Amino acid sequence: MNLDAINALSPAAFVDTFGDIAEHSPWVAEAAAALRPYASREAMVDAFQGTLAQAPRTQREALIRLHPDLAGKATLAPDSRKEQAGAGLGTLTAEEMTRFTDLNTRYQERFGFPFILAVKGATKHQILDAFSTRIHGGREEEFLTALAQVMRIIRFRLEERVDG
């Protein structure tokens, strides 16, 4: 979609089109819509990321908690399904699935939110390595890392949908 068409969308049509960019959090698109017109795709990315960065902590934490577990059995949003499949998470062996399930459970218990990694371009082995490393971090550090990963996911999704 090109920027002229995006800038011409009504607020409701904008949210219908981009409300799923931030996982199950259309409020990000609602706020970003108010920052139009965008001069570039980068300005649009900045609007989405800035909206999230400036949101109250409780709202950012709620968004993070809405992300699906990697390789989990939950119903995934289409973008998440595609991103996880591209990283090979749909072809895990039984042993790898057991490891992901264990790490997801331990991570969730430790931090109170799911492990988030922008998996585009990553392999299942890189994801498992990141998981194994990050599970030992502190809660605040991990919250900030998860938020940075959400920002990367937002960028990747907008770059895929919006003409450069």
C-alpha atoms as a PDB file:
ATOM      1  CA  MET A   1       0.000   0.000   0.000  1.00  0.00           C
ATOM      2  CA  ASN A   2       1.383   3.442  -0.796  1.00  0.00           C
ATOM      3  CA  LEU A   3       1.561   6.399   1.562  1.00  0.00           C
ATOM      4  CA  ASP A   4      -0.961   8.508  -0.337  1.00  0.00           C
ATOM      5  CA  ALA A   5      -3.577   5.794   0.109  1.00  0.00           C
ATOM      6  CA  ILE A   6      -2.599   5.303   3.767  1.00  0.00           C
ATOM      7  CA  ASN A   7      -2.775   9.032   4.507  1.00  0.00           C
ATOM      8  CA  ALA A   8      -6.227   9.194   2.858  1.00  0.00           C
ATOM      9  CA  LEU A   9      -7.757   6.414   4.981  1.00  0.00           C
ATOM     10  CA  SER A  10     -10.380   7.348   7.519  1.00  0.00           C
ATOM     11  CA  PRO A  11      -9.307   6.669  11.111  1.00  0.00           C
ATOM     12  CA  ALA A  12     -11.574   3.602  11.221  1.00  0.00           C
ATOM     13  CA  ALA A  13     -10.253   2.259   7.900  1.00  0.00           C
ATOM     14  CA  PHE A  14      -6.685   2.877   9.106  1.00  0.00           C
ATOM     15  CA  VAL A  15      -7.320   0.795  12.218  1.00  0.00           C
ATOM     16  CA  ASP A  16      -9.037  -1.901  10.123  1.00  0.00           C
ATOM     17  CA  THR A  17      -5.936  -2.033   7.922  1.00  0.00           C
ATOM     18  CA  PHE A  18      -3.190  -1.686  10.541  1.00  0.00           C
ATOM     19  CA  GLY A  19      -4.839  -2.544  13.872  1.00  0.00           C
ATOM     20  CA  ASP A  20      -3.070  -5.911  13.973  1.00  0.00           C
ATOM     21  CA  ILE A  21       0.463  -4.542  13.517  1.00  0.00           C
ATOM     22  CA  ALA A  22       0.953  -4.534  17.302  1.00  0.00           C
ATOM     23  CA  GLU A  23      -0.251  -7.947  18.473  1.00  0.00           C
ATOM     24  CA  HIS A  24      -3.927  -7.742  19.564  1.00  0.00           C
ATOM     25  CA  SER A  25      -3.461  -4.040  20.399  1.00  0.00           C
ATOM     26  CA  PRO A  26      -5.356  -1.841  17.937  1.00  0.00           C
ATOM     27  CA  TRP A  27      -4.897   1.134  20.282  1.00  0.00           C
ATOM     28  CA  VAL A  28      -1.391   1.519  18.813  1.00  0.00           C
ATOM     29  CA  ALA A  29      -2.811   1.985  15.299  1.00  0.00           C
ATOM     30  CA  GLU A  30      -5.527   4.295  16.636  1.00  0.00           C
ATOM     31  CA  ALA A  31      -2.926   6.616  18.157  1.00  0.00           C
ATOM     32  CA  ALA A  32      -0.585   6.344  15.159  1.00  0.00           C
ATOM     33  CA  ALA A  33      -3.448   7.256  12.805  1.00  0.00           C
ATOM     34  CA  ALA A  34      -3.737  10.619  14.534  1.00  0.00           C
ATOM     35  CA  LEU A  35      -0.104  11.377  13.634  1.00  0.00           C
ATOM     36  CA  ARG A  36      -0.752  11.395   9.888  1.00  0.00           C
ATOM     37  CA  PRO A  37       0.022  12.438   7.264  1.00  0.00           C
ATOM     38  CA  TYR A  38       3.220  10.424   7.019  1.00  0.00           C
ATOM     39  CA  ALA A  39       5.971  11.801   4.803  1.00  0.00           C
ATOM     40  CA  SER A  40       7.620   8.382   4.489  1.00  0.00           C
ATOM     41  CA  ARG A  41       7.312   4.766   5.531  1.00  0.00           C
ATOM     42  CA  GLU A  42       9.970   5.497   8.163  1.00  0.00           C
ATOM     43  CA  ALA A  43       7.746   8.249   9.594  1.00  0.00           C
ATOM     44  CA  MET A  44       4.919   5.726   9.832  1.00  0.00           C
ATOM     45  CA  VAL A  45       7.182   3.244  11.634  1.00  0.00           C
ATOM     46  CA  ASP A  46       8.246   6.056  13.981  1.00  0.00           C
ATOM     47  CA  ALA A  47       4.584   6.901  14.687  1.00  0.00           C
ATOM     48  CA  PHE A  48       3.780   3.308  15.677  1.00  0.00           C
ATOM     49  CA  GLN A  49       6.963   2.814  17.684  1.00  0.00           C
ATOM     50  CA  GLY A  50       6.677   6.238  19.340  1.00  0.00           C
ATOM     51  CA  THR A  51       3.091   5.536  20.329  1.00  0.00           C
ATOM     52  CA  LEU A  52       4.187   2.354  22.058  1.00  0.00           C
ATOM     53  CA  ALA A  53       7.249   3.945  23.655  1.00  0.00           C
ATOM     54  CA  GLN A  54       5.175   6.795  25.115  1.00  0.00           C
ATOM     55  CA  ALA A  55       2.333   4.623  26.389  1.00  0.00           C
ATOM     56  CA  PRO A  56       1.994   4.096  30.134  1.00  0.00           C
ATOM     57  CA  ARG A  57       4.014   1.188  31.447  1.00  0.00           C
ATOM     58  CA  THR A  58       0.878  -0.789  32.320  1.00  0.00           C
ATOM     59  CA  GLN A  59      -0.320  -0.507  28.732  1.00  0.00           C
ATOM     60  CA  ARG A  60       3.077  -1.599  27.330  1.00  0.00           C
ATOM     61  CA  GLU A  61       3.136  -4.569  29.720  1.00  0.00           C
ATOM     62  CA  ALA A  62      -0.390  -5.534  28.672  1.00  0.00           C
ATOM     63  CA  LEU A  63       0.666  -5.490  25.003  1.00  0.00           C
ATOM     64  CA  ILE A  64       3.668  -7.696  25.751  1.00  0.00           C
ATOM     65  CA  ARG A  65       1.456 -10.176  27.622  1.00  0.00           C
ATOM     66  CA  LEU A  66      -0.784 -10.476  24.543  1.00  0.00           C
ATOM     67  CA  HIS A  67       2.010 -11.950  22.425  1.00  0.00           C
ATOM     68  CA  PRO A  68       1.783 -15.672  21.724  1.00  0.00           C
ATOM     69  CA  ASP A  69       4.333 -18.159  22.986  1.00  0.00           C
ATOM     70  CA  LEU A  70       6.881 -19.053  20.348  1.00  0.00           C
ATOM     71  CA  ALA A  71       6.055 -22.473  18.936  1.00  0.00           C
ATOM     72  CA  GLY A  72       3.064 -22.624  21.273  1.00  0.00           C
ATOM     73  CA  LYS A  73      -0.235 -24.241  20.505  1.00  0.00           C
ATOM     74  CA  ALA A  74      -2.296 -21.055  20.782  1.00  0.00           C
ATOM     75  CA  THR A  75      -4.136 -19.755  17.763  1.00  0.00           C
ATOM     76  CA  LEU A  76      -1.794 -17.284  16.123  1.00  0.00           C
ATOM     77  CA  ALA A  77      -2.612 -14.088  14.304  1.00  0.00           C
ATOM     78  CA  PRO A  78      -1.819 -14.436  10.571  1.00  0.00           C
ATOM     79  CA  ASP A  79       1.366 -12.337  10.816  1.00  0.00           C
ATOM     80  CA  SER A  80       2.630 -14.346  13.805  1.00  0.00           C
ATOM     81  CA  ARG A  81       1.853 -17.637  12.071  1.00  0.00           C
ATOM     82  CA  LYS A  82       3.760 -16.549   8.965  1.00  0.00           C
ATOM     83  CA  GLU A  83       6.734 -15.204  10.960  1.00  0.00           C
ATOM     84  CA  GLN A  84       7.018 -18.332  13.103  1.00  0.00           C
ATOM     85  CA  ALA A  85       6.700 -20.627  10.087  1.00  0.00           C
ATOM     86  CA  GLY A  86       9.444 -18.656   8.323  1.00  0.00           C
ATOM     87  CA  ALA A  87      11.733 -19.321  11.286  1.00  0.00           C
ATOM     88  CA  GLY A  88      11.082 -23.058  11.092  1.00  0.00           C
ATOM     89  CA  LEU A  89       8.937 -23.216  14.209  1.00  0.00           C
ATOM     90  CA  GLY A  90       6.272 -25.192  12.359  1.00  0.00           C
ATOM     91  CA  THR A  91       8.723 -28.028  11.738  1.00  0.00           C
ATOM     92  CA  LEU A  92      10.085 -28.632  15.226  1.00  0.00           C
ATOM     93  CA  THR A  93      11.033 -32.151  16.190  1.00  0.00           C
ATOM     94  CA  ALA A  94       9.337 -33.633  19.248  1.00  0.00           C
ATOM     95  CA  GLU A  95      12.500 -32.950  21.247  1.00  0.00           C
ATOM     96  CA  GLU A  96      12.659 -29.317  20.084  1.00  0.00           C
ATOM     97  CA  MET A  97       8.970 -28.822  20.853  1.00  0.00           C
ATOM     98  CA  THR A  98       9.531 -30.179  24.364  1.00  0.00           C
ATOM     99  CA  ARG A  99      12.420 -27.755  24.813  1.00  0.00           C
ATOM    100  CA  PHE A 100      10.356 -24.786  23.561  1.00  0.00           C
ATOM    101  CA  THR A 101       7.457 -25.725  25.817  1.00  0.00           C
ATOM    102  CA  ASP A 102       9.763 -26.008  28.823  1.00  0.00           C
ATOM    103  CA  LEU A 103      11.462 -22.677  28.079  1.00  0.00           C
ATOM    104  CA  ASN A 104       8.120 -20.943  27.448  1.00  0.00           C
ATOM    105  CA  THR A 105       6.779 -22.192  30.798  1.00  0.00           C
ATOM    106  CA  ARG A 106       9.912 -21.285  32.764  1.00  0.00           C
ATOM    107  CA  TYR A 107      10.199 -17.886  31.111  1.00  0.00           C
ATOM    108  CA  GLN A 108       6.527 -17.053  31.735  1.00  0.00           C
ATOM    109  CA  GLU A 109       6.845 -18.081  35.392  1.00  0.00           C
ATOM    110  CA  ARG A 110      10.001 -16.016  35.846  1.00  0.00           C
ATOM    111  CA  PHE A 111       8.929 -12.808  34.088  1.00  0.00           C
ATOM    112  CA  GLY A 112       5.118 -12.875  33.944  1.00  0.00           C
ATOM    113  CA  PHE A 113       5.002 -12.382  30.175  1.00  0.00           C
ATOM    114  CA  PRO A 114       5.890 -14.475  27.116  1.00  0.00           C
ATOM    115  CA  PHE A 115       9.312 -14.599  25.504  1.00  0.00           C
ATOM    116  CA  ILE A 116       9.285 -12.217  22.552  1.00  0.00           C
ATOM    117  CA  LEU A 117      11.730 -12.284  19.698  1.00  0.00           C
ATOM    118  CA  ALA A 118      11.314 -10.782  16.243  1.00  0.00           C
ATOM    119  CA  VAL A 119      11.854 -14.102  14.479  1.00  0.00           C
ATOM    120  CA  LYS A 120      11.992 -12.804  10.916  1.00  0.00           C
ATOM    121  CA  GLY A 121      15.295 -13.967   9.469  1.00  0.00           C
ATOM    122  CA  ALA A 122      16.119 -16.154  12.480  1.00  0.00           C
ATOM    123  CA  THR A 123      16.419 -19.926  12.591  1.00  0.00           C
ATOM    124  CA  LYS A 124      14.885 -22.134  15.254  1.00  0.00           C
ATOM    125  CA  HIS A 125      18.391 -22.739  16.599  1.00  0.00           C
ATOM    126  CA  GLN A 126      19.081 -18.999  16.950  1.00  0.00           C
ATOM    127  CA  ILE A 127      15.736 -18.579  18.685  1.00  0.00           C
ATOM    128  CA  LEU A 128      16.489 -21.385  21.141  1.00  0.00           C
ATOM    129  CA  ASP A 129      19.925 -19.878  21.837  1.00  0.00           C
ATOM    130  CA  ALA A 130      18.379 -16.450  22.547  1.00  0.00           C
ATOM    131  CA  PHE A 131      15.734 -18.075  24.716  1.00  0.00           C
ATOM    132  CA  SER A 132      18.345 -19.991  26.711  1.00  0.00           C
ATOM    133  CA  THR A 133      20.383 -16.832  27.295  1.00  0.00           C
ATOM    134  CA  ARG A 134      17.579 -14.378  28.060  1.00  0.00           C
ATOM    135  CA  ILE A 135      15.794 -16.610  30.558  1.00  0.00           C
ATOM    136  CA  HIS A 136      18.608 -15.855  33.028  1.00  0.00           C
ATOM    137  CA  GLY A 137      18.303 -12.037  32.842  1.00  0.00           C
ATOM    138  CA  GLY A 138      16.646  -9.640  35.233  1.00  0.00           C
ATOM    139  CA  ARG A 139      12.974  -8.687  34.927  1.00  0.00           C
ATOM    140  CA  GLU A 140      13.506  -5.008  34.033  1.00  0.00           C
ATOM    141  CA  GLU A 141      16.191  -5.833  31.504  1.00  0.00           C
ATOM    142  CA  GLU A 142      13.954  -8.461  29.967  1.00  0.00           C
ATOM    143  CA  PHE A 143      10.962  -6.126  29.878  1.00  0.00           C
ATOM    144  CA  LEU A 144      13.045  -3.597  27.930  1.00  0.00           C
ATOM    145  CA  THR A 145      14.370  -6.324  25.630  1.00  0.00           C
ATOM    146  CA  ALA A 146      10.842  -7.614  24.982  1.00  0.00           C
ATOM    147  CA  LEU A 147       9.685  -4.075  24.221  1.00  0.00           C
ATOM    148  CA  ALA A 148      12.601  -3.591  21.790  1.00  0.00           C
ATOM    149  CA  GLN A 149      11.642  -6.856  20.084  1.00  0.00           C
ATOM    150  CA  VAL A 150       8.029  -5.677  19.755  1.00  0.00           C
ATOM    151  CA  MET A 151       9.373  -2.509  18.121  1.00  0.00           C
ATOM    152  CA  ARG A 152      11.318  -4.664  15.619  1.00  0.00           C
ATOM    153  CA  ILE A 153       8.189  -6.723  14.908  1.00  0.00           C
ATOM    154  CA  ILE A 154       6.232  -3.524  14.245  1.00  0.00           C
ATOM    155  CA  ARG A 155       8.958  -2.343  11.845  1.00  0.00           C
ATOM    156  CA  PHE A 156       9.075  -5.659   9.970  1.00  0.00           C
ATOM    157  CA  ARG A 157       5.293  -5.800   9.611  1.00  0.00           C
ATOM    158  CA  LEU A 158       4.988  -2.231   8.369  1.00  0.00           C
ATOM    159  CA  GLU A 159       7.912  -2.666   5.964  1.00  0.00           C
ATOM    160  CA  GLU A 160       6.121  -5.693   4.527  1.00  0.00           C
ATOM    161  CA  ARG A 161       2.787  -3.905   4.055  1.00  0.00           C
ATOM    162  CA  VAL A 162       3.784  -0.350   3.133  1.00  0.00           C
ATOM    163  CA  ASP A 163       5.568   0.653  -0.070  1.00  0.00           C
ATOM    164  CA  GLY A 164       9.014   2.080   0.606  1.00  0.00           C
END
